[in-house]
């Protein structure tokens, strides 16, 4: 895989950004990786996201093959989310992006 081909019809970085674009998607990936993989746990951790938006983001991550949803036939019903093997490949990139984001936030706060 070349860094940049002689002709590019689609920017690979844009493809990547399209997958992770959305409210808190990167945080959801981290939460699921760290074992906070139930809807209620994620909702409590992210008070700025509505239940509808959380559900939408999880659906999109599942559609893109990043996570899988597992339902358990219990009363009350229980659903858990897991990173797929494909999703595991994106985790190191997300971790580094979030690290850089924290550094940038600290820099911005020191300027103000």
Protein backbone atom coordinates (compact mmCIF):
# COMPACT_ATOMS: atom_id res chain seq x y z
CA UNK A 1 0.00 0.00 0.00
CA UNK A 2 1.49 3.28 -1.11
CA UNK A 3 1.32 6.46 0.96
CA UNK A 4 -0.12 8.29 -2.07
CA UNK A 5 -0.80 6.63 -5.39
CA UNK A 6 -0.18 8.25 -8.76
CA UNK A 7 -3.94 8.81 -9.10
CA UNK A 8 -6.42 8.83 -6.25
CA UNK A 9 -10.13 8.78 -7.00
CA UNK A 10 -11.09 8.58 -3.36
CA UNK A 11 -9.13 9.91 -0.40
CA UNK A 12 -8.57 7.07 2.12
CA UNK A 13 -8.49 9.58 4.99
CA UNK A 14 -11.93 10.83 4.00
CA UNK A 15 -13.23 7.25 4.02
CA UNK A 16 -11.84 6.81 7.54
CA UNK A 17 -13.36 10.10 8.73
CA UNK A 18 -16.72 9.18 7.21
CA UNK A 19 -16.81 6.02 9.36
CA UNK A 20 -15.95 7.73 12.66
CA UNK A 21 -17.85 10.96 11.98
CA UNK A 22 -20.77 11.32 14.33
CA UNK A 23 -21.63 12.30 17.86
CA UNK A 24 -19.29 10.48 20.25
CA UNK A 25 -18.54 7.54 17.92
CA UNK A 26 -14.90 7.42 18.94
CA UNK A 27 -15.86 7.52 22.62
CA UNK A 28 -18.36 4.71 22.04
CA UNK A 29 -15.62 2.58 20.48
CA UNK A 30 -13.39 3.20 23.51
CA UNK A 31 -16.21 2.46 25.97
CA UNK A 32 -17.03 -0.82 24.23
CA UNK A 33 -13.34 -1.77 24.13
CA UNK A 34 -13.06 -1.06 27.88
CA UNK A 35 -16.10 -3.23 28.71
CA UNK A 36 -18.79 -0.57 29.14
CA UNK A 37 -20.78 -2.27 26.46
CA UNK A 38 -24.39 -1.93 27.52
CA UNK A 39 -26.66 0.86 26.30
CA UNK A 40 -27.47 2.17 29.78
CA UNK A 41 -23.80 2.31 30.79
CA UNK A 42 -22.94 4.24 27.66
CA UNK A 43 -25.88 6.61 28.15
CA UNK A 44 -24.82 7.40 31.73
CA UNK A 45 -21.21 7.98 30.65
CA UNK A 46 -22.29 10.35 27.85
CA UNK A 47 -24.98 12.66 29.28
CA UNK A 48 -24.72 15.03 26.29
CA UNK A 49 -26.06 12.47 23.80
CA UNK A 50 -29.74 11.62 23.52
CA UNK A 51 -30.93 8.02 23.56
CA UNK A 52 -32.04 8.38 19.96
CA UNK A 53 -28.63 9.68 18.83
CA UNK A 54 -26.81 6.99 20.84
CA UNK A 55 -28.93 4.32 19.19
CA UNK A 56 -28.25 5.82 15.75
CA UNK A 57 -24.49 5.91 16.31
CA UNK A 58 -24.45 2.30 17.52
CA UNK A 59 -26.50 1.25 14.49
CA UNK A 60 -24.07 2.99 12.13
CA UNK A 61 -21.03 1.40 13.80
CA UNK A 62 -22.73 -1.99 13.51
CA UNK A 63 -23.60 -1.39 9.84
CA UNK A 64 -19.97 -0.47 9.13
CA UNK A 65 -18.76 -3.69 10.77
CA UNK A 66 -16.97 -1.96 13.65
CA UNK A 67 -19.15 -3.42 16.41
CA UNK A 68 -21.54 -6.31 16.80
CA UNK A 69 -24.71 -6.39 18.85
CA UNK A 70 -25.60 -9.40 20.96
CA UNK A 71 -29.09 -9.86 22.41
CA UNK A 72 -29.71 -12.20 25.32
CA UNK A 73 -33.14 -13.86 25.68
CA UNK A 74 -33.72 -12.74 29.26
CA UNK A 75 -36.34 -10.81 31.15
CA UNK A 76 -35.68 -7.93 31.11
CA UNK A 77 -33.92 -8.14 27.74
CA UNK A 78 -30.17 -7.55 27.77
CA UNK A 79 -28.13 -6.26 24.83
CA UNK A 80 -24.35 -5.92 24.76
CA UNK A 81 -22.02 -4.50 22.14
CA UNK A 82 -18.56 -5.78 21.23
CA UNK A 83 -15.84 -4.67 18.86
CA UNK A 84 -15.53 -6.96 15.88
CA UNK A 85 -12.07 -8.14 14.83
CA UNK A 86 -12.30 -5.42 12.14
CA UNK A 87 -13.28 -2.89 14.84
CA UNK A 88 -10.23 -3.88 16.88
CA UNK A 89 -8.05 -2.62 14.01
CA UNK A 90 -9.45 0.91 14.30
CA UNK A 91 -9.05 1.12 18.09
CA UNK A 92 -5.32 2.07 18.17
CA UNK A 93 -5.97 4.89 15.70
CA UNK A 94 -8.89 6.18 17.77
CA UNK A 95 -6.84 5.97 20.97
CA UNK A 96 -4.12 8.14 19.39
CA UNK A 97 -6.67 10.59 18.00
CA UNK A 98 -8.22 11.00 21.44
CA UNK A 99 -4.78 11.43 23.01
CA UNK A 100 -4.02 14.23 20.55
CA UNK A 101 -7.45 15.75 21.25
CA UNK A 102 -6.71 15.87 24.98
CA UNK A 103 -3.35 17.54 24.30
CA UNK A 104 -5.04 20.10 22.06
CA UNK A 105 -7.75 20.84 24.64
CA UNK A 106 -5.10 21.43 27.31
CA UNK A 107 -3.20 23.72 24.93
CA UNK A 108 -6.34 25.71 24.17
CA UNK A 109 -7.13 26.08 27.88
CA UNK A 110 -3.62 27.36 28.62
CA UNK A 111 -4.00 30.03 25.93
CA UNK A 112 -7.23 31.42 27.37
